[in-house]
Amino acid sequence: MIDRRCVLLLFYDFPMITRKQKKRYRDFRKYLIKAGYYALQESVYVRLLSSSDGFTGECKRLYNETPTGSNVKALHISLDKFEQIVTIRGSNFNFSLFRDNILVF
């Protein structure tokens, strides 16, 4: 059986000058955590998708949550490819988070 699961990598930068911008950043981060994203590092989050078919829908949901002036990028790769990530320095990603969470769209 072919494993169709994939990982959505999310990269973002928000302007953080005014109080309103800082609040918007905090709200977006809370949204990510509630939506099942895990922090890979600061401003880089990952989420497991049941297949690449869910990528477009997830991007639309993310678009609705991001304010103008922000810089947000998304990339989806296979789970097998993501598991080949090499940590040069810092802590390793806990892959067991993904093994227990198969999200269905």
N, C-alpha and C. Protein backbone atom coordinates (compact mmCIF):
# COMPACT_ATOMS: atom_id res chain seq x y z
N MET A 1 0.84 -1.19 0.00
CA MET A 1 0.00 0.00 0.00
C MET A 1 0.89 1.25 0.00
N ILE A 2 0.52 2.20 -0.80
CA ILE A 2 1.28 3.44 -0.93
C ILE A 2 0.84 4.42 0.16
N ASP A 3 1.80 4.99 0.83
CA ASP A 3 1.54 6.01 1.85
C ASP A 3 1.41 7.35 1.15
N ARG A 4 0.21 7.90 1.10
CA ARG A 4 -0.04 9.15 0.39
C ARG A 4 0.10 10.38 1.29
N ARG A 5 0.37 10.15 2.56
CA ARG A 5 0.46 11.28 3.47
C ARG A 5 1.59 12.22 3.04
N CYS A 6 1.37 13.50 3.29
CA CYS A 6 2.40 14.48 2.98
C CYS A 6 2.46 15.51 4.11
N VAL A 7 3.48 16.30 4.07
CA VAL A 7 3.71 17.31 5.09
C VAL A 7 3.61 18.69 4.45
N LEU A 8 2.86 19.56 5.08
CA LEU A 8 2.79 20.95 4.65
C LEU A 8 3.80 21.72 5.50
N LEU A 9 4.75 22.34 4.85
CA LEU A 9 5.72 23.21 5.52
C LEU A 9 5.25 24.65 5.35
N LEU A 10 5.15 25.37 6.43
CA LEU A 10 4.66 26.73 6.41
C LEU A 10 5.75 27.67 6.93
N PHE A 11 6.08 28.66 6.13
CA PHE A 11 7.10 29.65 6.47
C PHE A 11 6.40 31.01 6.51
N TYR A 12 6.63 31.78 7.57
CA TYR A 12 5.95 33.07 7.61
C TYR A 12 6.76 34.13 8.35
N ASP A 13 6.53 35.36 7.95
CA ASP A 13 7.05 36.56 8.62
C ASP A 13 5.90 37.55 8.71
N PHE A 14 5.77 38.15 9.85
CA PHE A 14 4.74 39.16 10.06
C PHE A 14 5.43 40.46 10.47
N PRO A 15 4.89 41.61 10.05
CA PRO A 15 5.39 42.86 10.59
C PRO A 15 5.04 42.92 12.08
N MET A 16 5.99 43.38 12.90
CA MET A 16 5.77 43.37 14.35
C MET A 16 6.18 44.71 14.95
N ILE A 17 5.62 45.78 14.41
CA ILE A 17 5.98 47.11 14.89
C ILE A 17 4.92 47.62 15.87
N THR A 18 3.67 47.58 15.45
CA THR A 18 2.60 48.11 16.30
C THR A 18 2.02 47.01 17.19
N ARG A 19 1.28 47.42 18.21
CA ARG A 19 0.60 46.45 19.08
C ARG A 19 -0.39 45.59 18.30
N LYS A 20 -1.08 46.21 17.38
CA LYS A 20 -2.06 45.48 16.57
C LYS A 20 -1.37 44.40 15.74
N GLN A 21 -0.22 44.70 15.16
CA GLN A 21 0.52 43.72 14.37
C GLN A 21 1.02 42.57 15.25
N LYS A 22 1.49 42.89 16.44
CA LYS A 22 1.96 41.86 17.36
C LYS A 22 0.81 40.95 17.79
N LYS A 23 -0.35 41.55 18.02
CA LYS A 23 -1.52 40.74 18.39
C LYS A 23 -1.93 39.84 17.24
N ARG A 24 -1.86 40.35 16.03
CA ARG A 24 -2.23 39.56 14.85
C ARG A 24 -1.27 38.37 14.71
N TYR A 25 -0.01 38.58 14.98
CA TYR A 25 0.98 37.50 14.95
C TYR A 25 0.62 36.43 15.99
N ARG A 26 0.33 36.86 17.22
CA ARG A 26 -0.02 35.91 18.28
C ARG A 26 -1.29 35.13 17.92
N ASP A 27 -2.27 35.82 17.37
CA ASP A 27 -3.52 35.16 16.97
C ASP A 27 -3.27 34.13 15.87
N PHE A 28 -2.40 34.46 14.91
CA PHE A 28 -2.09 33.52 13.83
C PHE A 28 -1.38 32.28 14.38
N ARG A 29 -0.45 32.49 15.27
CA ARG A 29 0.27 31.37 15.88
C ARG A 29 -0.69 30.48 16.67
N LYS A 30 -1.62 31.08 17.41
CA LYS A 30 -2.63 30.30 18.14
C LYS A 30 -3.49 29.51 17.17
N TYR A 31 -3.85 30.12 16.04
CA TYR A 31 -4.62 29.42 15.02
C TYR A 31 -3.87 28.19 14.51
N LEU A 32 -2.58 28.36 14.24
CA LEU A 32 -1.78 27.24 13.73
C LEU A 32 -1.77 26.07 14.71
N ILE A 33 -1.56 26.37 15.96
CA ILE A 33 -1.50 25.32 16.97
C ILE A 33 -2.85 24.62 17.08
N LYS A 34 -3.92 25.39 17.08
CA LYS A 34 -5.27 24.82 17.17
C LYS A 34 -5.59 23.98 15.93
N ALA A 35 -5.03 24.36 14.78
CA ALA A 35 -5.30 23.65 13.52
C ALA A 35 -4.40 22.42 13.33
N GLY A 36 -3.56 22.12 14.32
CA GLY A 36 -2.77 20.90 14.24
C GLY A 36 -1.36 21.07 13.71
N TYR A 37 -0.85 22.29 13.69
CA TYR A 37 0.52 22.52 13.24
C TYR A 37 1.49 22.36 14.40
N TYR A 38 2.69 21.95 14.09
CA TYR A 38 3.76 21.83 15.07
C TYR A 38 4.91 22.74 14.65
N ALA A 39 5.56 23.37 15.64
CA ALA A 39 6.68 24.25 15.35
C ALA A 39 7.91 23.43 15.02
N LEU A 40 8.46 23.67 13.85
CA LEU A 40 9.74 23.07 13.47
C LEU A 40 10.86 23.97 14.00
N GLN A 41 10.66 25.25 13.86
CA GLN A 41 11.49 26.28 14.47
C GLN A 41 10.67 27.56 14.42
N GLU A 42 11.21 28.65 14.93
CA GLU A 42 10.45 29.88 14.96
C GLU A 42 10.03 30.30 13.56
N SER A 43 8.75 30.55 13.39
CA SER A 43 8.16 30.96 12.11
C SER A 43 8.20 29.89 11.03
N VAL A 44 8.46 28.65 11.40
CA VAL A 44 8.37 27.52 10.47
C VAL A 44 7.55 26.43 11.16
N TYR A 45 6.39 26.14 10.59
CA TYR A 45 5.50 25.16 11.17
C TYR A 45 5.23 24.04 10.17
N VAL A 46 4.85 22.88 10.67
CA VAL A 46 4.56 21.72 9.82
C VAL A 46 3.23 21.11 10.24
N ARG A 47 2.56 20.52 9.27
CA ARG A 47 1.31 19.82 9.53
C ARG A 47 1.24 18.61 8.62
N LEU A 48 0.77 17.52 9.17
CA LEU A 48 0.58 16.30 8.39
C LEU A 48 -0.76 16.38 7.67
N LEU A 49 -0.75 16.05 6.38
CA LEU A 49 -1.96 15.97 5.58
C LEU A 49 -2.16 14.53 5.15
N SER A 50 -3.41 14.10 5.04
CA SER A 50 -3.67 12.71 4.65
C SER A 50 -3.25 12.43 3.22
N SER A 51 -3.23 13.46 2.38
CA SER A 51 -2.74 13.34 1.00
C SER A 51 -2.47 14.74 0.47
N SER A 52 -1.85 14.82 -0.69
CA SER A 52 -1.57 16.13 -1.28
C SER A 52 -2.85 16.82 -1.74
N ASP A 53 -3.95 16.08 -1.83
CA ASP A 53 -5.23 16.69 -2.23
C ASP A 53 -5.70 17.75 -1.24
N GLY A 54 -5.34 17.62 0.03
CA GLY A 54 -5.76 18.58 1.03
C GLY A 54 -4.94 19.86 1.05
N PHE A 55 -3.87 19.91 0.27
CA PHE A 55 -2.97 21.05 0.29
C PHE A 55 -3.65 22.34 -0.15
N THR A 56 -4.39 22.31 -1.24
CA THR A 56 -5.03 23.51 -1.77
C THR A 56 -6.05 24.06 -0.78
N GLY A 57 -6.86 23.20 -0.21
CA GLY A 57 -7.85 23.64 0.76
C GLY A 57 -7.21 24.25 1.99
N GLU A 58 -6.13 23.65 2.44
CA GLU A 58 -5.42 24.18 3.61
C GLU A 58 -4.82 25.54 3.29
N CYS A 59 -4.30 25.72 2.10
CA CYS A 59 -3.74 27.02 1.70
C CYS A 59 -4.83 28.10 1.70
N LYS A 60 -6.03 27.75 1.27
CA LYS A 60 -7.14 28.71 1.28
C LYS A 60 -7.50 29.10 2.71
N ARG A 61 -7.52 28.12 3.62
CA ARG A 61 -7.81 28.43 5.02
C ARG A 61 -6.72 29.33 5.61
N LEU A 62 -5.47 29.05 5.30
CA LEU A 62 -4.36 29.87 5.79
C LEU A 62 -4.46 31.29 5.24
N TYR A 63 -4.81 31.42 3.97
CA TYR A 63 -4.94 32.74 3.36
C TYR A 63 -5.96 33.59 4.12
N ASN A 64 -7.05 32.97 4.53
CA ASN A 64 -8.09 33.69 5.26
C ASN A 64 -7.65 34.11 6.66
N GLU A 65 -6.63 33.49 7.18
CA GLU A 65 -6.13 33.79 8.52
C GLU A 65 -4.96 34.77 8.54
N THR A 66 -4.39 35.07 7.39
CA THR A 66 -3.20 35.92 7.36
C THR A 66 -3.57 37.37 7.02
N PRO A 67 -2.99 38.31 7.73
CA PRO A 67 -3.28 39.72 7.44
C PRO A 67 -2.47 40.22 6.24
N THR A 68 -2.94 41.30 5.66
CA THR A 68 -2.15 41.92 4.60
C THR A 68 -0.85 42.42 5.21
N GLY A 69 0.19 42.44 4.42
CA GLY A 69 1.50 42.86 4.90
C GLY A 69 2.35 41.72 5.42
N SER A 70 1.74 40.54 5.59
CA SER A 70 2.51 39.38 6.05
C SER A 70 3.13 38.68 4.85
N ASN A 71 4.10 37.85 5.13
CA ASN A 71 4.79 37.08 4.09
C ASN A 71 4.68 35.61 4.48
N VAL A 72 3.85 34.86 3.75
CA VAL A 72 3.55 33.47 4.11
C VAL A 72 3.76 32.58 2.89
N LYS A 73 4.53 31.52 3.07
CA LYS A 73 4.80 30.56 2.00
C LYS A 73 4.43 29.17 2.48
N ALA A 74 3.99 28.31 1.57
CA ALA A 74 3.65 26.93 1.91
C ALA A 74 4.24 25.99 0.87
N LEU A 75 4.66 24.84 1.34
CA LEU A 75 5.25 23.82 0.48
C LEU A 75 4.80 22.47 0.98
N HIS A 76 4.41 21.57 0.07
CA HIS A 76 4.10 20.23 0.54
C HIS A 76 5.09 19.24 -0.06
N ILE A 77 5.51 18.33 0.80
CA ILE A 77 6.44 17.27 0.40
C ILE A 77 5.95 15.96 0.99
N SER A 78 6.43 14.86 0.47
CA SER A 78 6.02 13.55 0.98
C SER A 78 6.54 13.37 2.40
N LEU A 79 5.83 12.55 3.16
CA LEU A 79 6.25 12.26 4.53
C LEU A 79 7.61 11.58 4.53
N ASP A 80 7.84 10.69 3.56
CA ASP A 80 9.14 10.02 3.47
C ASP A 80 10.27 11.02 3.28
N LYS A 81 10.05 11.99 2.42
CA LYS A 81 11.08 13.02 2.17
C LYS A 81 11.30 13.87 3.42
N PHE A 82 10.21 14.23 4.09
CA PHE A 82 10.33 15.05 5.29
C PHE A 82 11.11 14.31 6.39
N GLU A 83 10.92 13.01 6.48
CA GLU A 83 11.62 12.24 7.51
C GLU A 83 13.13 12.17 7.26
N GLN A 84 13.58 12.61 6.10
CA GLN A 84 15.01 12.63 5.79
C GLN A 84 15.67 13.94 6.24
N ILE A 85 14.91 14.79 6.91
CA ILE A 85 15.46 16.07 7.34
C ILE A 85 16.66 15.83 8.26
N VAL A 86 17.67 16.65 8.09
CA VAL A 86 18.90 16.53 8.87
C VAL A 86 18.99 17.76 9.79
N THR A 87 19.16 17.51 11.06
CA THR A 87 19.35 18.60 12.01
C THR A 87 20.83 18.87 12.15
N ILE A 88 21.25 20.05 11.76
CA ILE A 88 22.66 20.43 11.87
C ILE A 88 22.98 20.80 13.32
N ARG A 89 22.16 21.64 13.90
CA ARG A 89 22.26 22.01 15.32
C ARG A 89 20.85 22.16 15.86
N GLY A 90 20.72 21.96 17.15
CA GLY A 90 19.41 22.13 17.78
C GLY A 90 18.75 20.78 18.02
N SER A 91 17.50 20.83 18.43
CA SER A 91 16.80 19.59 18.77
C SER A 91 16.16 18.97 17.53
N ASN A 92 16.08 17.66 17.54
CA ASN A 92 15.45 16.92 16.44
C ASN A 92 13.93 17.06 16.53
N PHE A 93 13.27 16.95 15.38
CA PHE A 93 11.82 16.98 15.33
C PHE A 93 11.28 15.64 15.83
N ASN A 94 10.24 15.67 16.62
CA ASN A 94 9.63 14.46 17.16
C ASN A 94 8.65 13.88 16.13
N PHE A 95 9.11 12.95 15.34
CA PHE A 95 8.28 12.38 14.27
C PHE A 95 7.12 11.55 14.79
N SER A 96 7.17 11.13 16.04
CA SER A 96 6.06 10.35 16.58
C SER A 96 4.78 11.18 16.63
N LEU A 97 4.90 12.51 16.62
CA LEU A 97 3.72 13.36 16.56
C LEU A 97 2.90 13.07 15.30
N PHE A 98 3.58 12.77 14.21
CA PHE A 98 2.91 12.50 12.94
C PHE A 98 2.39 11.08 12.84
N ARG A 99 3.05 10.16 13.43
CA ARG A 99 2.64 8.76 13.31
C ARG A 99 1.28 8.51 13.95
N ASP A 100 0.93 9.34 14.93
CA ASP A 100 -0.33 9.16 15.64
C ASP A 100 -1.44 10.07 15.13
N ASN A 101 -1.12 11.00 14.25
CA ASN A 101 -2.10 11.98 13.80
C ASN A 101 -2.27 11.94 12.29
N ILE A 102 -3.22 11.18 11.82
CA ILE A 102 -3.54 11.19 10.39
C ILE A 102 -4.80 12.04 10.25
N LEU A 103 -4.64 13.17 9.59
CA LEU A 103 -5.74 14.09 9.42
C LEU A 103 -6.45 13.81 8.10
N VAL A 104 -7.75 13.78 8.14
CA VAL A 104 -8.55 13.47 6.95
C VAL A 104 -9.26 14.74 6.50
N PHE A 105 -9.14 15.03 5.21
CA PHE A 105 -9.82 16.20 4.64
C PHE A 105 -10.93 15.72 3.74
